[in-house]
Amino acid sequence: MGALSSRSEEVVRQVKEVFRSDAEWREIEELVNKRMRPKHIRHYKCKMAITRIFKILPSDSIMRHMVQLQDLGLGSPKLLFHGTTPARAERILKDGFSLPPRPGMFGKGIYFAKDPLKSVRYAAEGTRGRNLERQLSEAEPKPAAAPEQGTGSGAWDWMSSIGAWVSSAIGDTFSGGETVRHMLLCEVYLGKTRTLRFARPKLDPAKDLRRGWLWKRFGAREYNSVRAPGGFLGAVKVTEYVIYSPLQAIPKFLIEFDRVPIDARAAG
């Protein structure tokens, strides 16, 4: 029993569920629906349907990021979406964002979108992280346990307890759980944004986000992020934003959703 108790104590409170009757659910659903533009629905041939929403309770790491942000002078944040896998989402909930090992179209940055459909394609299906799954299991009402039937053998009872613990441990590791898609709604502190219309996979923020001496002389600030506008004159179809410091993004809500295929002809 001690082993089972210690396993339960390992659960870290990362989220608080938002229900359909809550004002925050209505606000987020309205934001998602408003930002799914018809032309992007035609482009991606899908919509997203929210199934669950969780408010993120800042971890110690994220709290430190929030304190450090106050000294950066980046102005007000922009609410943007970030699609990811459930496993990565749980790591972000615990430690905040981190830079990727490989560059994207605009270098080794963290990518966000105003239209959630842009982020849907990066939200691969997977099972919830173990810690989140345990939180949800503990939050659900459980039926009262039936009285244990005495076996008349203390040794047998002890062996049964060990068997139950092993079964539980194996189940946690291999059961898989419910398959979901995850998207994060984040406050992103873009600061001064540089607009790029051509791909720059080798972008180095230490050099490419700096202003020239002449611009500095006229009071121009250094860049803090990149905006890649979508459309005919852009490198991408749908606008995206890139930051190069994990401090600049604070995850606020975790959204579980279904990808709903749409007939492009009916999306207008």
Protein backbone atom coordinates (compact mmCIF):
# COMPACT_ATOMS: atom_id res chain seq x y z
CA MET A 1 0.00 0.00 0.00
CA GLY A 2 2.91 2.35 0.68
CA ALA A 3 4.12 1.96 -2.90
CA LEU A 4 0.70 2.78 -4.26
CA SER A 5 0.43 5.86 -2.03
CA SER A 6 3.80 7.20 -3.14
CA ARG A 7 2.81 6.75 -6.79
CA SER A 8 -0.30 8.84 -6.18
CA GLU A 9 1.72 11.58 -4.48
CA GLU A 10 3.91 11.94 -7.59
CA VAL A 11 1.01 13.55 -9.47
CA VAL A 12 1.80 17.21 -10.10
CA ARG A 13 -1.12 19.55 -10.58
CA GLN A 14 -0.53 21.00 -14.04
CA VAL A 15 -4.04 21.87 -15.21
CA LYS A 16 -7.56 22.69 -14.14
CA GLU A 17 -10.36 21.62 -16.46
CA VAL A 18 -12.56 24.28 -18.06
CA PHE A 19 -16.12 23.11 -18.67
CA ARG A 20 -18.58 24.05 -21.40
CA SER A 21 -20.65 26.07 -18.93
CA ASP A 22 -17.63 28.25 -18.02
CA ALA A 23 -17.11 31.70 -19.51
CA GLU A 24 -13.51 30.78 -20.46
CA TRP A 25 -14.76 27.89 -22.61
CA ARG A 26 -17.08 30.22 -24.53
CA GLU A 27 -14.31 32.80 -25.00
CA ILE A 28 -11.83 30.24 -26.33
CA GLU A 29 -14.39 28.56 -28.58
CA GLU A 30 -15.36 31.96 -29.98
CA LEU A 31 -11.69 32.82 -30.58
CA VAL A 32 -11.06 29.52 -32.39
CA ASN A 33 -14.15 29.87 -34.59
CA LYS A 34 -13.37 33.51 -35.39
CA ARG A 35 -9.80 32.77 -36.43
CA MET A 36 -10.59 29.79 -38.66
CA ARG A 37 -10.81 31.82 -41.85
CA PRO A 38 -12.87 30.36 -44.72
CA LYS A 39 -9.96 30.46 -47.18
CA HIS A 40 -7.80 28.54 -44.72
CA ILE A 41 -10.56 25.98 -44.20
CA ARG A 42 -10.54 25.47 -47.97
CA HIS A 43 -6.75 25.23 -47.97
CA TYR A 44 -6.46 22.69 -45.13
CA LYS A 45 -9.79 20.98 -45.93
CA CYS A 46 -10.66 20.72 -42.25
CA LYS A 47 -11.93 22.47 -39.14
CA MET A 48 -11.19 21.80 -35.50
CA ALA A 49 -13.83 20.88 -32.94
CA ILE A 50 -12.90 21.43 -29.29
CA THR A 51 -13.54 18.44 -27.03
CA ARG A 52 -11.88 19.52 -23.76
CA ILE A 53 -10.08 22.59 -22.44
CA PHE A 54 -7.64 22.80 -19.54
CA LYS A 55 -6.34 25.94 -17.88
CA ILE A 56 -2.62 25.59 -17.29
CA LEU A 57 -1.40 26.06 -13.72
CA PRO A 58 2.07 27.62 -14.05
CA SER A 59 4.90 25.34 -12.94
CA ASP A 60 7.93 26.70 -11.09
CA SER A 61 9.80 26.94 -14.39
CA ILE A 62 7.02 28.88 -16.09
CA MET A 63 6.68 31.17 -13.06
CA ARG A 64 10.39 32.02 -13.38
CA HIS A 65 9.87 32.76 -17.08
CA MET A 66 7.03 35.13 -16.21
CA VAL A 67 9.24 37.01 -13.75
CA GLN A 68 12.09 37.29 -16.27
CA LEU A 69 9.69 38.56 -18.94
CA GLN A 70 8.98 41.65 -16.88
CA ASP A 71 12.54 42.88 -17.46
CA LEU A 72 12.55 42.38 -21.24
CA GLY A 73 10.22 45.25 -22.17
CA LEU A 74 8.48 43.35 -24.98
CA GLY A 75 5.09 44.99 -24.57
CA SER A 76 1.73 43.24 -24.50
CA PRO A 77 1.46 39.58 -25.56
CA LYS A 78 -0.43 38.20 -28.54
CA LEU A 79 -2.67 35.15 -28.17
CA LEU A 80 -1.36 32.52 -30.59
CA PHE A 81 -1.72 28.79 -31.15
CA HIS A 82 0.95 26.09 -31.06
CA GLY A 83 0.23 22.53 -32.21
CA THR A 84 2.25 19.72 -30.69
CA THR A 85 2.09 16.09 -29.57
CA PRO A 86 0.56 15.16 -26.21
CA ALA A 87 3.97 14.00 -24.94
CA ARG A 88 5.62 17.31 -25.83
CA ALA A 89 2.66 19.24 -24.45
CA GLU A 90 3.20 17.66 -21.05
CA ARG A 91 6.88 18.60 -21.10
CA ILE A 92 5.94 22.19 -21.97
CA LEU A 93 3.47 22.27 -19.08
CA LYS A 94 6.27 21.23 -16.74
CA ASP A 95 9.30 23.09 -18.07
CA GLY A 96 8.01 25.69 -20.51
CA PHE A 97 9.04 25.87 -24.16
CA SER A 98 12.47 24.90 -25.46
CA LEU A 99 14.22 25.50 -28.76
CA PRO A 100 14.08 22.61 -31.26
CA PRO A 101 17.21 20.65 -32.23
CA ARG A 102 16.56 21.16 -35.95
CA PRO A 103 15.75 24.36 -37.88
CA GLY A 104 12.44 25.08 -39.50
CA MET A 105 11.75 27.39 -42.42
CA PHE A 106 12.99 30.35 -40.37
CA GLY A 107 15.66 28.72 -38.27
CA LYS A 108 15.70 27.10 -34.85
CA GLY A 109 12.73 28.87 -33.35
CA ILE A 110 9.38 28.14 -31.73
CA TYR A 111 6.55 28.55 -34.24
CA PHE A 112 3.05 29.91 -33.60
CA ALA A 113 -0.02 30.80 -35.64
CA LYS A 114 -2.94 33.16 -35.34
CA ASP A 115 -5.22 30.75 -37.23
CA PRO A 116 -5.48 27.46 -35.29
CA LEU A 117 -5.80 25.50 -38.54
CA LYS A 118 -2.13 26.24 -39.21
CA SER A 119 -1.32 24.53 -35.90
CA VAL A 120 -3.64 21.54 -36.47
CA ARG A 121 -1.18 19.96 -38.91
CA TYR A 122 1.51 19.86 -36.20
CA ALA A 123 -0.81 18.40 -33.56
CA ALA A 124 -0.19 14.72 -34.21
CA GLU A 125 -2.39 12.22 -32.41
CA GLY A 126 -1.03 10.52 -29.32
CA THR A 127 -1.93 9.44 -25.82
CA ARG A 128 -1.99 11.92 -22.96
CA GLY A 129 1.13 12.22 -20.86
CA ARG A 130 1.12 10.02 -17.77
CA ASN A 131 0.93 12.89 -15.27
CA LEU A 132 -2.02 14.53 -17.04
CA GLU A 133 -3.80 11.20 -17.35
CA ARG A 134 -3.46 10.61 -13.62
CA GLN A 135 -4.81 14.06 -12.83
CA LEU A 136 -7.88 13.39 -14.92
CA SER A 137 -8.36 9.96 -13.38
CA GLU A 138 -8.21 11.40 -9.88
CA ALA A 139 -10.65 14.16 -10.81
CA GLU A 140 -13.29 11.71 -12.07
CA PRO A 141 -15.70 10.33 -9.46
CA LYS A 142 -14.90 6.75 -8.55
CA PRO A 143 -17.32 4.09 -7.32
CA ALA A 144 -17.03 3.03 -3.70
CA ALA A 145 -14.68 0.10 -3.28
CA ALA A 146 -16.28 -3.22 -2.39
CA PRO A 147 -15.27 -4.74 0.97
CA GLU A 148 -12.23 -6.95 0.58
CA GLN A 149 -12.91 -10.64 0.97
CA GLY A 150 -10.69 -12.24 3.60
CA THR A 151 -8.59 -15.14 2.36
CA GLY A 152 -7.54 -16.45 5.72
CA SER A 153 -3.90 -16.23 4.62
CA GLY A 154 -1.75 -13.17 5.33
CA ALA A 155 0.86 -14.40 2.84
CA TRP A 156 -1.76 -14.70 0.09
CA ASP A 157 -3.06 -11.18 0.83
CA TRP A 158 0.50 -9.82 0.61
CA MET A 159 1.10 -11.58 -2.73
CA SER A 160 -2.21 -10.26 -4.09
CA SER A 161 -1.21 -6.70 -3.16
CA ILE A 162 2.11 -7.09 -4.97
CA GLY A 163 0.31 -8.52 -8.01
CA ALA A 164 -2.10 -5.58 -8.08
CA TRP A 165 0.80 -3.11 -7.88
CA VAL A 166 2.66 -4.83 -10.76
CA SER A 167 -0.52 -4.91 -12.86
CA SER A 168 -1.09 -1.22 -12.21
CA ALA A 169 2.49 -0.35 -13.13
CA ILE A 170 2.34 -2.35 -16.36
CA GLY A 171 -1.01 -0.78 -17.21
CA ASP A 172 0.36 2.74 -16.74
CA THR A 173 3.22 1.99 -19.10
CA PHE A 174 1.54 -0.01 -21.86
CA SER A 175 -2.20 0.65 -21.76
CA GLY A 176 -1.93 3.62 -24.14
CA GLY A 177 -5.03 5.38 -22.88
CA GLU A 178 -7.21 7.68 -24.94
CA THR A 179 -5.83 9.00 -28.23
CA VAL A 180 -6.10 12.79 -28.46
CA ARG A 181 -4.79 15.85 -30.30
CA HIS A 182 -3.32 18.74 -28.33
CA MET A 183 -2.95 22.44 -29.06
CA LEU A 184 -1.64 25.16 -26.76
CA LEU A 185 -3.10 28.65 -26.60
CA CYS A 186 -0.25 30.88 -25.51
CA GLU A 187 0.58 34.44 -24.61
CA VAL A 188 3.48 35.21 -26.96
CA TYR A 189 5.60 38.29 -26.36
CA LEU A 190 6.71 39.16 -29.88
CA GLY A 191 8.28 42.52 -29.13
CA LYS A 192 9.67 44.11 -32.28
CA THR A 193 8.88 41.79 -35.19
CA ARG A 194 10.91 41.39 -38.38
CA THR A 195 8.86 40.48 -41.47
CA LEU A 196 10.38 37.87 -43.76
CA ARG A 197 8.83 36.88 -47.09
CA PHE A 198 11.42 34.26 -48.06
CA ALA A 199 12.54 31.15 -46.21
CA ARG A 200 15.60 31.56 -44.00
CA PRO A 201 16.34 28.10 -42.51
CA LYS A 202 19.84 29.20 -41.51
CA LEU A 203 18.61 32.31 -39.72
CA ASP A 204 20.82 33.17 -36.76
CA PRO A 205 18.90 35.38 -34.31
CA ALA A 206 22.13 36.62 -32.75
CA LYS A 207 23.01 38.26 -36.08
CA ASP A 208 19.85 38.41 -38.20
CA LEU A 209 17.64 40.06 -35.59
CA ARG A 210 20.14 42.83 -34.91
CA ARG A 211 19.78 46.31 -36.38
CA GLY A 212 22.51 48.00 -38.37
CA TRP A 213 24.43 50.88 -36.80
CA LEU A 214 22.57 53.47 -38.90
CA TRP A 215 19.15 52.22 -37.77
CA LYS A 216 20.35 52.20 -34.17
CA ARG A 217 21.52 55.76 -34.53
CA PHE A 218 17.96 56.76 -35.37
CA GLY A 219 16.62 54.91 -32.33
CA ALA A 220 15.50 51.65 -33.96
CA ARG A 221 15.12 48.73 -31.58
CA GLU A 222 16.51 45.25 -32.08
CA TYR A 223 14.11 42.63 -33.42
CA ASN A 224 12.71 40.03 -31.01
CA SER A 225 10.77 37.76 -33.37
CA VAL A 226 9.89 36.96 -36.98
CA ARG A 227 6.59 37.28 -38.78
CA ALA A 228 6.15 35.32 -42.00
CA PRO A 229 3.06 36.70 -43.76
CA GLY A 230 0.94 34.24 -45.68
CA GLY A 231 -0.36 34.63 -49.18
CA PHE A 232 0.88 35.19 -52.71
CA LEU A 233 3.88 37.33 -51.72
CA GLY A 234 4.88 35.25 -48.72
CA ALA A 235 6.97 32.15 -48.12
CA VAL A 236 4.01 30.42 -46.45
CA LYS A 237 0.32 30.01 -47.22
CA VAL A 238 -0.86 31.00 -43.73
CA THR A 239 0.88 33.57 -41.52
CA GLU A 240 3.15 32.30 -38.77
CA TYR A 241 5.25 33.82 -36.01
CA VAL A 242 8.61 32.67 -34.69
CA ILE A 243 10.41 33.42 -31.43
CA TYR A 244 13.95 32.42 -30.56
CA SER A 245 13.83 32.66 -26.78
CA PRO A 246 11.62 30.22 -24.83
CA LEU A 247 10.98 32.98 -22.30
CA GLN A 248 8.75 34.78 -24.80
CA ALA A 249 5.90 32.23 -24.74
CA ILE A 250 3.68 31.43 -21.76
CA PRO A 251 1.24 28.52 -22.28
CA LYS A 252 -2.17 29.47 -20.87
CA PHE A 253 -4.61 26.79 -22.07
CA LEU A 254 -4.32 23.22 -23.31
CA ILE A 255 -6.98 22.38 -25.92
CA GLU A 256 -8.00 18.86 -26.86
CA PHE A 257 -9.76 18.72 -30.22
CA ASP A 258 -10.88 16.64 -33.15
CA ARG A 259 -9.79 17.33 -36.70
CA VAL A 260 -13.00 17.50 -38.77
CA PRO A 261 -12.52 16.95 -42.53
CA ILE A 262 -14.41 19.46 -44.68
CA ASP A 263 -15.37 19.37 -48.34
CA ALA A 264 -13.42 22.31 -49.76
CA ARG A 265 -16.33 23.22 -52.04
CA ALA A 266 -18.61 23.63 -49.02
CA ALA A 267 -16.11 25.67 -46.98
CA GLY A 268 -16.85 29.02 -48.59
